[in-house]
């Protein structure tokens, strides 16, 4: 009987230790603000045919590898010069490790 109680105590001890290691305090789903495994970006790309109420800076990249300085009211955030750089409308297909769930292209949506 004593032997059975010792075994039960040891099993209970390891069960408690195992549950403690899996607590949210020691969560290993992300490190230093980044997810360990990439997920699909949760943003939705808007059609360039839609219009915004306010103009925003174009997200296009010039031939000089700089951000375009034009403003646009296109919902896709690309001016007429760089509309060919806009992603297709629909769910963003980019992968991200950012804990916000948004890729580098859409990260400004959380500001």
PDB file of N, CA and C in Angstrom:
ATOM      1  N   UNK A   1       0.830  -1.200   0.000  1.00  0.00           N
ATOM      2  CA  UNK A   1       0.000   0.000   0.000  1.00  0.00           C
ATOM      3  C   UNK A   1       0.872   1.261   0.000  1.00  0.00           C
ATOM      4  N   UNK A   2       1.947   1.270   0.825  1.00  0.00           N
ATOM      5  CA  UNK A   2       2.840   2.428   0.875  1.00  0.00           C
ATOM      6  C   UNK A   2       3.510   2.637  -0.490  1.00  0.00           C
ATOM      7  N   UNK A   3       3.841   1.521  -1.123  1.00  0.00           N
ATOM      8  CA  UNK A   3       4.481   1.592  -2.432  1.00  0.00           C
ATOM      9  C   UNK A   3       3.543   2.244  -3.452  1.00  0.00           C
ATOM     10  N   UNK A   4       2.287   1.908  -3.430  1.00  0.00           N
ATOM     11  CA  UNK A   4       1.284   2.480  -4.329  1.00  0.00           C
ATOM     12  C   UNK A   4       1.098   3.967  -4.069  1.00  0.00           C
ATOM     13  N   UNK A   5       1.080   4.386  -2.808  1.00  0.00           N
ATOM     14  CA  UNK A   5       0.962   5.811  -2.469  1.00  0.00           C
ATOM     15  C   UNK A   5       2.174   6.602  -2.947  1.00  0.00           C
ATOM     16  N   UNK A   6       3.360   6.014  -2.838  1.00  0.00           N
ATOM     17  CA  UNK A   6       4.576   6.689  -3.309  1.00  0.00           C
ATOM     18  C   UNK A   6       4.516   6.901  -4.828  1.00  0.00           C
ATOM     19  N   UNK A   7       4.069   5.883  -5.543  1.00  0.00           N
ATOM     20  CA  UNK A   7       3.962   5.994  -7.002  1.00  0.00           C
ATOM     21  C   UNK A   7       2.931   7.060  -7.377  1.00  0.00           C
ATOM     22  N   UNK A   8       1.804   7.065  -6.685  1.00  0.00           N
ATOM     23  CA  UNK A   8       0.774   8.080  -6.957  1.00  0.00           C
ATOM     24  C   UNK A   8       1.300   9.484  -6.655  1.00  0.00           C
ATOM     25  N   UNK A   9       2.058   9.641  -5.564  1.00  0.00           N
ATOM     26  CA  UNK A   9       2.627  10.939  -5.208  1.00  0.00           C
ATOM     27  C   UNK A   9       3.613  11.412  -6.279  1.00  0.00           C
ATOM     28  N   UNK A  10       4.451  10.497  -6.754  1.00  0.00           N
ATOM     29  CA  UNK A  10       5.434  10.858  -7.783  1.00  0.00           C
ATOM     30  C   UNK A  10       4.723  11.255  -9.077  1.00  0.00           C
ATOM     31  N   UNK A  11       3.712  10.506  -9.461  1.00  0.00           N
ATOM     32  CA  UNK A  11       2.950  10.840 -10.680  1.00  0.00           C
ATOM     33  C   UNK A  11       2.270  12.194 -10.541  1.00  0.00           C
ATOM     34  N   UNK A  12       1.679  12.449  -9.388  1.00  0.00           N
ATOM     35  CA  UNK A  12       1.040  13.735  -9.143  1.00  0.00           C
ATOM     36  C   UNK A  12       2.058  14.872  -9.203  1.00  0.00           C
ATOM     37  N   UNK A  13       3.237  14.649  -8.643  1.00  0.00           N
ATOM     38  CA  UNK A  13       4.299  15.654  -8.659  1.00  0.00           C
ATOM     39  C   UNK A  13       4.676  16.012 -10.103  1.00  0.00           C
ATOM     40  N   UNK A  14       4.901  14.988 -10.943  1.00  0.00           N
ATOM     41  CA  UNK A  14       5.269  15.249 -12.331  1.00  0.00           C
ATOM     42  C   UNK A  14       4.132  15.885 -13.119  1.00  0.00           C
ATOM     43  N   UNK A  15       2.913  15.542 -12.784  1.00  0.00           N
ATOM     44  CA  UNK A  15       1.755  16.161 -13.436  1.00  0.00           C
ATOM     45  C   UNK A  15       1.698  17.658 -13.119  1.00  0.00           C
ATOM     46  N   UNK A  16       1.923  18.010 -11.870  1.00  0.00           N
ATOM     47  CA  UNK A  16       1.908  19.427 -11.462  1.00  0.00           C
ATOM     48  C   UNK A  16       3.057  20.175 -12.118  1.00  0.00           C
ATOM     49  N   UNK A  17       4.238  19.589 -12.147  1.00  0.00           N
ATOM     50  CA  UNK A  17       5.400  20.232 -12.786  1.00  0.00           C
ATOM     51  C   UNK A  17       5.123  20.432 -14.279  1.00  0.00           C
ATOM     52  N   UNK A  18       4.565  19.435 -14.937  1.00  0.00           N
ATOM     53  CA  UNK A  18       4.252  19.537 -16.365  1.00  0.00           C
ATOM     54  C   UNK A  18       3.252  20.633 -16.658  1.00  0.00           C
ATOM     55  N   UNK A  19       2.230  20.780 -15.830  1.00  0.00           N
ATOM     56  CA  UNK A  19       1.230  21.838 -16.025  1.00  0.00           C
ATOM     57  C   UNK A  19       1.825  23.208 -15.783  1.00  0.00           C
ATOM     58  N   UNK A  20       2.743  23.302 -14.849  1.00  0.00           N
ATOM     59  CA  UNK A  20       3.375  24.590 -14.554  1.00  0.00           C
ATOM     60  C   UNK A  20       4.232  25.053 -15.728  1.00  0.00           C
ATOM     61  N   UNK A  21       4.935  24.138 -16.367  1.00  0.00           N
ATOM     62  CA  UNK A  21       5.786  24.494 -17.499  1.00  0.00           C
ATOM     63  C   UNK A  21       4.974  24.967 -18.691  1.00  0.00           C
ATOM     64  N   UNK A  22       3.732  24.531 -18.822  1.00  0.00           N
ATOM     65  CA  UNK A  22       2.890  24.908 -19.956  1.00  0.00           C
ATOM     66  C   UNK A  22       2.027  26.127 -19.664  1.00  0.00           C
ATOM     67  N   UNK A  23       2.307  26.832 -18.600  1.00  0.00           N
ATOM     68  CA  UNK A  23       1.502  28.007 -18.260  1.00  0.00           C
ATOM     69  C   UNK A  23       1.750  29.131 -19.255  1.00  0.00           C
ATOM     70  N   UNK A  24       0.877  30.113 -19.289  1.00  0.00           N
ATOM     71  CA  UNK A  24       1.018  31.233 -20.221  1.00  0.00           C
ATOM     72  C   UNK A  24       2.233  32.089 -19.888  1.00  0.00           C
ATOM     73  N   UNK A  25       2.728  32.007 -18.668  1.00  0.00           N
ATOM     74  CA  UNK A  25       3.903  32.785 -18.290  1.00  0.00           C
ATOM     75  C   UNK A  25       5.118  32.354 -19.090  1.00  0.00           C
ATOM     76  N   UNK A  26       5.218  31.077 -19.402  1.00  0.00           N
ATOM     77  CA  UNK A  26       6.344  30.555 -20.161  1.00  0.00           C
ATOM     78  C   UNK A  26       5.938  30.223 -21.590  1.00  0.00           C
ATOM     79  N   UNK A  27       5.021  30.981 -22.144  1.00  0.00           N
ATOM     80  CA  UNK A  27       4.498  30.712 -23.476  1.00  0.00           C
ATOM     81  C   UNK A  27       5.614  30.840 -24.506  1.00  0.00           C
ATOM     82  N   UNK A  28       5.794  29.816 -25.322  1.00  0.00           N
ATOM     83  CA  UNK A  28       6.854  29.831 -26.334  1.00  0.00           C
ATOM     84  C   UNK A  28       6.286  29.970 -27.738  1.00  0.00           C
ATOM     85  N   UNK A  29       5.053  30.499 -27.866  1.00  0.00           N
ATOM     86  CA  UNK A  29       4.480  30.714 -29.190  1.00  0.00           C
ATOM     87  C   UNK A  29       5.148  31.885 -29.903  1.00  0.00           C
ATOM     88  N   UNK A  30       5.744  32.788 -29.148  1.00  0.00           N
ATOM     89  CA  UNK A  30       6.476  33.899 -29.756  1.00  0.00           C
ATOM     90  C   UNK A  30       7.672  34.270 -28.896  1.00  0.00           C
ATOM     91  N   UNK A  31       8.687  34.837 -29.545  1.00  0.00           N
ATOM     92  CA  UNK A  31       9.907  35.281 -28.871  1.00  0.00           C
ATOM     93  C   UNK A  31      10.232  36.680 -29.373  1.00  0.00           C
ATOM     94  N   UNK A  32      10.499  37.583 -28.451  1.00  0.00           N
ATOM     95  CA  UNK A  32      10.882  38.962 -28.783  1.00  0.00           C
ATOM     96  C   UNK A  32       9.884  39.627 -29.726  1.00  0.00           C
ATOM     97  N   UNK A  33       8.598  39.416 -29.492  1.00  0.00           N
ATOM     98  CA  UNK A  33       7.567  40.081 -30.279  1.00  0.00           C
ATOM     99  C   UNK A  33       7.310  39.487 -31.642  1.00  0.00           C
ATOM    100  N   UNK A  34       7.915  38.331 -31.939  1.00  0.00           N
ATOM    101  CA  UNK A  34       7.677  37.669 -33.222  1.00  0.00           C
ATOM    102  C   UNK A  34       7.159  36.270 -32.987  1.00  0.00           C
ATOM    103  N   UNK A  35       6.229  35.846 -33.838  1.00  0.00           N
ATOM    104  CA  UNK A  35       5.720  34.479 -33.776  1.00  0.00           C
ATOM    105  C   UNK A  35       6.810  33.513 -34.226  1.00  0.00           C
ATOM    106  N   UNK A  36       6.800  32.327 -33.669  1.00  0.00           N
ATOM    107  CA  UNK A  36       7.786  31.325 -34.078  1.00  0.00           C
ATOM    108  C   UNK A  36       7.489  30.783 -35.476  1.00  0.00           C
ATOM    109  N   UNK A  37       6.216  30.685 -35.827  1.00  0.00           N
ATOM    110  CA  UNK A  37       5.831  30.153 -37.126  1.00  0.00           C
ATOM    111  C   UNK A  37       5.034  31.206 -37.884  1.00  0.00           C
ATOM    112  N   UNK A  38       5.321  31.390 -39.169  1.00  0.00           N
ATOM    113  CA  UNK A  38       4.588  32.407 -39.936  1.00  0.00           C
ATOM    114  C   UNK A  38       3.117  32.048 -40.101  1.00  0.00           C
ATOM    115  N   UNK A  39       2.291  33.079 -40.166  1.00  0.00           N
ATOM    116  CA  UNK A  39       0.856  32.926 -40.409  1.00  0.00           C
ATOM    117  C   UNK A  39       0.496  33.784 -41.615  1.00  0.00           C
ATOM    118  N   UNK A  40      -0.665  33.537 -42.187  1.00  0.00           N
ATOM    119  CA  UNK A  40      -1.119  34.357 -43.309  1.00  0.00           C
ATOM    120  C   UNK A  40      -1.560  35.716 -42.774  1.00  0.00           C
ATOM    121  N   UNK A  41      -1.168  36.769 -43.457  1.00  0.00           N
ATOM    122  CA  UNK A  41      -1.553  38.131 -43.079  1.00  0.00           C
ATOM    123  C   UNK A  41      -3.072  38.233 -43.040  1.00  0.00           C
ATOM    124  N   UNK A  42      -3.604  38.914 -42.029  1.00  0.00           N
ATOM    125  CA  UNK A  42      -5.057  39.005 -41.892  1.00  0.00           C
ATOM    126  C   UNK A  42      -5.667  40.206 -42.620  1.00  0.00           C
ATOM    127  N   UNK A  43      -4.855  40.934 -43.361  1.00  0.00           N
ATOM    128  CA  UNK A  43      -5.361  42.096 -44.094  1.00  0.00           C
ATOM    129  C   UNK A  43      -6.063  41.675 -45.383  1.00  0.00           C
ATOM    130  N   UNK A  44      -6.918  42.548 -45.864  1.00  0.00           N
ATOM    131  CA  UNK A  44      -7.604  42.343 -47.139  1.00  0.00           C
ATOM    132  C   UNK A  44      -7.191  43.482 -48.071  1.00  0.00           C
ATOM    133  N   UNK A  45      -6.676  43.137 -49.239  1.00  0.00           N
ATOM    134  CA  UNK A  45      -6.289  44.142 -50.226  1.00  0.00           C
ATOM    135  C   UNK A  45      -7.550  44.697 -50.880  1.00  0.00           C
ATOM    136  N   UNK A  46      -7.645  46.008 -50.920  1.00  0.00           N
ATOM    137  CA  UNK A  46      -8.808  46.661 -51.529  1.00  0.00           C
ATOM    138  C   UNK A  46      -8.583  46.867 -53.020  1.00  0.00           C
ATOM    139  N   UNK A  47      -9.651  46.947 -53.753  1.00  0.00           N
ATOM    140  CA  UNK A  47      -9.579  47.189 -55.189  1.00  0.00           C
ATOM    141  C   UNK A  47      -9.155  48.634 -55.440  1.00  0.00           C
ATOM    142  N   UNK A  48      -8.372  48.850 -56.480  1.00  0.00           N
ATOM    143  CA  UNK A  48      -7.942  50.202 -56.821  1.00  0.00           C
ATOM    144  C   UNK A  48      -9.085  51.029 -57.389  1.00  0.00           C
ATOM    145  N   UNK A  49     -10.188  50.391 -57.741  1.00  0.00           N
ATOM    146  CA  UNK A  49     -11.357  51.122 -58.232  1.00  0.00           C
ATOM    147  C   UNK A  49     -12.087  51.849 -57.107  1.00  0.00           C
ATOM    148  N   UNK A  50     -11.923  51.373 -55.880  1.00  0.00           N
ATOM    149  CA  UNK A  50     -12.552  52.038 -54.727  1.00  0.00           C
ATOM    150  C   UNK A  50     -11.772  53.301 -54.389  1.00  0.00           C
ATOM    151  N   UNK A  51     -12.454  54.273 -53.823  1.00  0.00           N
ATOM    152  CA  UNK A  51     -11.826  55.551 -53.471  1.00  0.00           C
ATOM    153  C   UNK A  51     -11.888  55.791 -51.976  1.00  0.00           C
ATOM    154  N   UNK A  52     -10.874  56.469 -51.467  1.00  0.00           N
ATOM    155  CA  UNK A  52     -10.819  56.869 -50.063  1.00  0.00           C
ATOM    156  C   UNK A  52     -11.326  58.301 -49.919  1.00  0.00           C
ATOM    157  N   UNK A  53     -11.761  58.654 -48.724  1.00  0.00           N
ATOM    158  CA  UNK A  53     -12.201  60.033 -48.472  1.00  0.00           C
ATOM    159  C   UNK A  53     -11.009  60.979 -48.417  1.00  0.00           C
ATOM    160  N   UNK A  54      -9.902  60.524 -47.834  1.00  0.00           N
ATOM    161  CA  UNK A  54      -8.688  61.347 -47.737  1.00  0.00           C
ATOM    162  C   UNK A  54      -7.610  60.765 -48.642  1.00  0.00           C
ATOM    163  N   UNK A  55      -6.732  61.617 -49.115  1.00  0.00           N
ATOM    164  CA  UNK A  55      -5.626  61.112 -49.922  1.00  0.00           C
ATOM    165  C   UNK A  55      -4.511  60.616 -48.996  1.00  0.00           C
ATOM    166  N   UNK A  56      -3.806  59.597 -49.457  1.00  0.00           N
ATOM    167  CA  UNK A  56      -2.694  59.015 -48.708  1.00  0.00           C
ATOM    168  C   UNK A  56      -1.476  58.959 -49.622  1.00  0.00           C
ATOM    169  N   UNK A  57      -0.308  58.803 -49.010  1.00  0.00           N
ATOM    170  CA  UNK A  57       0.911  58.699 -49.805  1.00  0.00           C
ATOM    171  C   UNK A  57       0.939  57.361 -50.532  1.00  0.00           C
ATOM    172  N   UNK A  58       1.317  57.404 -51.780  1.00  0.00           N
ATOM    173  CA  UNK A  58       1.425  56.203 -52.607  1.00  0.00           C
ATOM    174  C   UNK A  58       2.439  55.235 -51.989  1.00  0.00           C
ATOM    175  N   UNK A  59       2.127  53.950 -52.033  1.00  0.00           N
ATOM    176  CA  UNK A  59       3.038  52.928 -51.514  1.00  0.00           C
ATOM    177  C   UNK A  59       3.979  52.418 -52.595  1.00  0.00           C
ATOM    178  N   UNK A  60       3.922  53.017 -53.771  1.00  0.00           N
ATOM    179  CA  UNK A  60       4.767  52.582 -54.877  1.00  0.00           C
ATOM    180  C   UNK A  60       6.235  52.882 -54.653  1.00  0.00           C
ATOM    181  N   UNK A  61       7.066  52.121 -55.342  1.00  0.00           N
ATOM    182  CA  UNK A  61       8.517  52.300 -55.295  1.00  0.00           C
ATOM    183  C   UNK A  61       8.969  52.814 -56.659  1.00  0.00           C
ATOM    184  N   UNK A  62       9.720  53.902 -56.643  1.00  0.00           N
ATOM    185  CA  UNK A  62      10.184  54.522 -57.884  1.00  0.00           C
ATOM    186  C   UNK A  62      11.334  53.728 -58.486  1.00  0.00           C
ATOM    187  N   UNK A  63      11.748  54.118 -59.693  1.00  0.00           N
ATOM    188  CA  UNK A  63      12.890  53.465 -60.342  1.00  0.00           C
ATOM    189  C   UNK A  63      14.172  53.701 -59.561  1.00  0.00           C
ATOM    190  N   UNK A  64      14.209  54.781 -58.770  1.00  0.00           N
ATOM    191  CA  UNK A  64      15.376  55.072 -57.930  1.00  0.00           C
ATOM    192  C   UNK A  64      15.323  54.302 -56.609  1.00  0.00           C
ATOM    193  N   UNK A  65      14.366  53.358 -56.491  1.00  0.00           N
ATOM    194  CA  UNK A  65      14.191  52.513 -55.302  1.00  0.00           C
ATOM    195  C   UNK A  65      13.797  53.313 -54.061  1.00  0.00           C
ATOM    196  N   UNK A  66      13.053  54.402 -54.279  1.00  0.00           N
ATOM    197  CA  UNK A  66      12.556  55.231 -53.185  1.00  0.00           C
ATOM    198  C   UNK A  66      11.036  55.182 -53.169  1.00  0.00           C
ATOM    199  N   UNK A  67      10.460  55.515 -52.037  1.00  0.00           N
ATOM    200  CA  UNK A  67       8.999  55.546 -51.917  1.00  0.00           C
ATOM    201  C   UNK A  67       8.462  56.726 -52.724  1.00  0.00           C
ATOM    202  N   UNK A  68       7.396  56.476 -53.470  1.00  0.00           N
ATOM    203  CA  UNK A  68       6.766  57.513 -54.272  1.00  0.00           C
ATOM    204  C   UNK A  68       6.238  58.624 -53.369  1.00  0.00           C
ATOM    205  N   UNK A  69       6.350  59.855 -53.817  1.00  0.00           N
ATOM    206  CA  UNK A  69       5.905  60.997 -53.018  1.00  0.00           C
ATOM    207  C   UNK A  69       4.507  61.485 -53.415  1.00  0.00           C
ATOM    208  N   UNK A  70       3.902  60.860 -54.436  1.00  0.00           N
ATOM    209  CA  UNK A  70       2.553  61.248 -54.858  1.00  0.00           C
ATOM    210  C   UNK A  70       1.513  60.862 -53.808  1.00  0.00           C
ATOM    211  N   UNK A  71       0.425  61.592 -53.797  1.00  0.00           N
ATOM    212  CA  UNK A  71      -0.734  61.241 -52.975  1.00  0.00           C
ATOM    213  C   UNK A  71      -1.800  60.649 -53.876  1.00  0.00           C
ATOM    214  N   UNK A  72      -2.623  59.788 -53.303  1.00  0.00           N
ATOM    215  CA  UNK A  72      -3.677  59.134 -54.070  1.00  0.00           C
ATOM    216  C   UNK A  72      -4.903  58.916 -53.200  1.00  0.00           C
ATOM    217  N   UNK A  73      -6.057  58.808 -53.852  1.00  0.00           N
ATOM    218  CA  UNK A  73      -7.285  58.456 -53.135  1.00  0.00           C
ATOM    219  C   UNK A  73      -7.712  57.027 -53.476  1.00  0.00           C
ATOM    220  N   UNK A  74      -6.882  56.318 -54.255  1.00  0.00           N
ATOM    221  CA  UNK A  74      -7.185  54.914 -54.561  1.00  0.00           C
ATOM    222  C   UNK A  74      -7.116  54.095 -53.282  1.00  0.00           C
ATOM    223  N   UNK A  75      -8.088  53.231 -53.060  1.00  0.00           N
ATOM    224  CA  UNK A  75      -8.132  52.420 -51.836  1.00  0.00           C
ATOM    225  C   UNK A  75      -6.966  51.445 -51.737  1.00  0.00           C
ATOM    226  N   UNK A  76      -6.360  51.116 -52.869  1.00  0.00           N
ATOM    227  CA  UNK A  76      -5.219  50.209 -52.846  1.00  0.00           C
ATOM    228  C   UNK A  76      -3.932  50.940 -52.457  1.00  0.00           C
ATOM    229  N   UNK A  77      -4.002  52.259 -52.331  1.00  0.00           N
ATOM    230  CA  UNK A  77      -2.882  53.116 -51.904  1.00  0.00           C
ATOM    231  C   UNK A  77      -1.753  53.236 -52.925  1.00  0.00           C
ATOM    232  N   UNK A  78      -2.080  53.120 -54.212  1.00  0.00           N
ATOM    233  CA  UNK A  78      -1.089  53.310 -55.273  1.00  0.00           C
ATOM    234  C   UNK A  78      -1.587  54.380 -56.226  1.00  0.00           C
ATOM    235  N   UNK A  79      -0.693  55.295 -56.636  1.00  0.00           N
ATOM    236  CA  UNK A  79      -1.063  56.344 -57.577  1.00  0.00           C
ATOM    237  C   UNK A  79      -1.117  55.767 -58.996  1.00  0.00           C
ATOM    238  N   UNK A  80      -1.531  56.596 -59.950  1.00  0.00           N
ATOM    239  CA  UNK A  80      -1.681  56.131 -61.333  1.00  0.00           C
ATOM    240  C   UNK A  80      -0.351  55.671 -61.933  1.00  0.00           C
ATOM    241  N   UNK A  81       0.774  56.210 -61.464  1.00  0.00           N
ATOM    242  CA  UNK A  81       2.076  55.809 -61.992  1.00  0.00           C
ATOM    243  C   UNK A  81       2.503  54.422 -61.512  1.00  0.00           C
ATOM    244  N   UNK A  82       2.059  54.057 -60.327  1.00  0.00           N
ATOM    245  CA  UNK A  82       2.520  52.806 -59.715  1.00  0.00           C
ATOM    246  C   UNK A  82       1.407  51.792 -59.495  1.00  0.00           C
ATOM    247  N   UNK A  83       0.276  51.982 -60.166  1.00  0.00           N
ATOM    248  CA  UNK A  83      -0.872  51.095 -59.967  1.00  0.00           C
ATOM    249  C   UNK A  83      -0.545  49.656 -60.333  1.00  0.00           C
ATOM    250  N   UNK A  84       0.439  49.459 -61.199  1.00  0.00           N
ATOM    251  CA  UNK A  84       0.834  48.100 -61.586  1.00  0.00           C
ATOM    252  C   UNK A  84       1.557  47.367 -60.449  1.00  0.00           C
ATOM    253  N   UNK A  85       1.990  48.096 -59.408  1.00  0.00           N
ATOM    254  CA  UNK A  85       2.647  47.473 -58.259  1.00  0.00           C
ATOM    255  C   UNK A  85       1.644  47.026 -57.185  1.00  0.00           C
ATOM    256  N   UNK A  86       0.398  47.406 -57.339  1.00  0.00           N
ATOM    257  CA  UNK A  86      -0.625  47.086 -56.332  1.00  0.00           C
ATOM    258  C   UNK A  86      -0.909  45.580 -56.324  1.00  0.00           C
ATOM    259  N   UNK A  87      -1.082  45.009 -55.129  1.00  0.00           N
ATOM    260  CA  UNK A  87      -1.432  43.587 -55.064  1.00  0.00           C
ATOM    261  C   UNK A  87      -2.864  43.366 -55.532  1.00  0.00           C
ATOM    262  N   UNK A  88      -3.191  42.167 -55.978  1.00  0.00           N
ATOM    263  CA  UNK A  88      -4.568  41.908 -56.424  1.00  0.00           C
ATOM    264  C   UNK A  88      -5.542  42.020 -55.256  1.00  0.00           C
ATOM    265  N   UNK A  89      -6.782  42.456 -55.522  1.00  0.00           N
ATOM    266  CA  UNK A  89      -7.760  42.576 -54.436  1.00  0.00           C
ATOM    267  C   UNK A  89      -8.091  41.208 -53.844  1.00  0.00           C
ATOM    268  N   UNK A  90      -8.469  41.224 -52.579  1.00  0.00           N
ATOM    269  CA  UNK A  90      -8.807  39.981 -51.876  1.00  0.00           C
ATOM    270  C   UNK A  90      -7.906  39.786 -50.676  1.00  0.00           C
ATOM    271  N   UNK A  91      -7.951  38.608 -50.092  1.00  0.00           N
ATOM    272  CA  UNK A  91      -7.152  38.300 -48.907  1.00  0.00           C
ATOM    273  C   UNK A  91      -5.666  38.389 -49.228  1.00  0.00           C
ATOM    274  N   UNK A  92      -4.919  39.074 -48.389  1.00  0.00           N
ATOM    275  CA  UNK A  92      -3.466  39.175 -48.565  1.00  0.00           C
ATOM    276  C   UNK A  92      -2.858  37.781 -48.463  1.00  0.00           C
ATOM    277  N   UNK A  93      -1.962  37.451 -49.364  1.00  0.00           N
ATOM    278  CA  UNK A  93      -1.338  36.137 -49.390  1.00  0.00           C
ATOM    279  C   UNK A  93       0.038  36.124 -48.736  1.00  0.00           C
ATOM    280  N   UNK A  94       0.474  37.277 -48.222  1.00  0.00           N
ATOM    281  CA  UNK A  94       1.782  37.344 -47.567  1.00  0.00           C
ATOM    282  C   UNK A  94       1.770  36.589 -46.247  1.00  0.00           C
ATOM    283  N   UNK A  95       2.916  36.068 -45.875  1.00  0.00           N
ATOM    284  CA  UNK A  95       3.103  35.413 -44.585  1.00  0.00           C
ATOM    285  C   UNK A  95       3.806  36.391 -43.645  1.00  0.00           C
ATOM    286  N   UNK A  96       3.532  36.280 -42.349  1.00  0.00           N
ATOM    287  CA  UNK A  96       4.167  37.164 -41.384  1.00  0.00           C
ATOM    288  C   UNK A  96       4.425  36.438 -40.077  1.00  0.00           C
ATOM    289  N   UNK A  97       5.458  36.884 -39.370  1.00  0.00           N
ATOM    290  CA  UNK A  97       5.728  36.409 -38.013  1.00  0.00           C
ATOM    291  C   UNK A  97       5.403  37.504 -37.003  1.00  0.00           C
ATOM    292  N   UNK A  98       4.881  38.621 -37.488  1.00  0.00           N
ATOM    293  CA  UNK A  98       4.524  39.741 -36.632  1.00  0.00           C
ATOM    294  C   UNK A  98       3.325  39.355 -35.773  1.00  0.00           C
ATOM    295  N   UNK A  99       3.399  39.612 -34.455  1.00  0.00           N
ATOM    296  CA  UNK A  99       2.305  39.222 -33.563  1.00  0.00           C
ATOM    297  C   UNK A  99       1.023  39.993 -33.849  1.00  0.00           C
ATOM    298  N   UNK A 100       1.107  41.115 -34.551  1.00  0.00           N
ATOM    299  CA  UNK A 100      -0.099  41.862 -34.901  1.00  0.00           C
ATOM    300  C   UNK A 100      -0.936  41.104 -35.936  1.00  0.00           C
ATOM    301  N   UNK A 101      -0.298  40.201 -36.683  1.00  0.00           N
ATOM    302  CA  UNK A 101      -0.991  39.456 -37.724  1.00  0.00           C
ATOM    303  C   UNK A 101      -0.935  40.124 -39.079  1.00  0.00           C
ATOM    304  N   UNK A 102      -0.257  41.275 -39.175  1.00  0.00           N
ATOM    305  CA  UNK A 102      -0.150  41.990 -40.438  1.00  0.00           C
ATOM    306  C   UNK A 102       1.271  41.887 -40.984  1.00  0.00           C
ATOM    307  N   UNK A 103       1.392  41.703 -42.303  1.00  0.00           N
ATOM    308  CA  UNK A 103       2.691  41.609 -42.961  1.00  0.00           C
ATOM    309  C   UNK A 103       3.361  42.987 -43.013  1.00  0.00           C
ATOM    310  N   UNK A 104       4.564  43.024 -43.538  1.00  0.00           N
ATOM    311  CA  UNK A 104       5.309  44.286 -43.655  1.00  0.00           C
ATOM    312  C   UNK A 104       4.548  45.313 -44.492  1.00  0.00           C
ATOM    313  N   UNK A 105       3.880  44.837 -45.539  1.00  0.00           N
ATOM    314  CA  UNK A 105       3.130  45.751 -46.396  1.00  0.00           C
ATOM    315  C   UNK A 105       1.950  46.375 -45.664  1.00  0.00           C
ATOM    316  N   UNK A 106       1.268  45.617 -44.816  1.00  0.00           N
ATOM    317  CA  UNK A 106       0.064  46.088 -44.137  1.00  0.00           C
ATOM    318  C   UNK A 106       0.283  46.498 -42.683  1.00  0.00           C
ATOM    319  N   UNK A 107       1.525  46.497 -42.192  1.00  0.00           N
ATOM    320  CA  UNK A 107       1.763  46.754 -40.773  1.00  0.00           C
ATOM    321  C   UNK A 107       1.283  48.115 -40.318  1.00  0.00           C
ATOM    322  N   UNK A 108       1.164  49.091 -41.229  1.00  0.00           N
ATOM    323  CA  UNK A 108       0.685  50.412 -40.827  1.00  0.00           C
ATOM    324  C   UNK A 108      -0.818  50.441 -40.544  1.00  0.00           C
ATOM    325  N   UNK A 109      -1.521  49.322 -40.788  1.00  0.00           N
ATOM    326  CA  UNK A 109      -2.948  49.257 -40.486  1.00  0.00           C
ATOM    327  C   UNK A 109      -3.211  49.201 -38.980  1.00  0.00           C
ATOM    328  N   UNK A 110      -2.222  48.808 -38.190  1.00  0.00           N
ATOM    329  CA  UNK A 110      -2.424  48.674 -36.742  1.00  0.00           C
ATOM    330  C   UNK A 110      -2.051  49.930 -35.990  1.00  0.00           C
ATOM    331  N   UNK A 111      -1.582  50.951 -36.650  1.00  0.00           N
ATOM    332  CA  UNK A 111      -1.199  52.203 -35.972  1.00  0.00           C
ATOM    333  C   UNK A 111      -2.400  53.009 -35.616  1.00  0.00           C
TER     334      UNK A 111
END
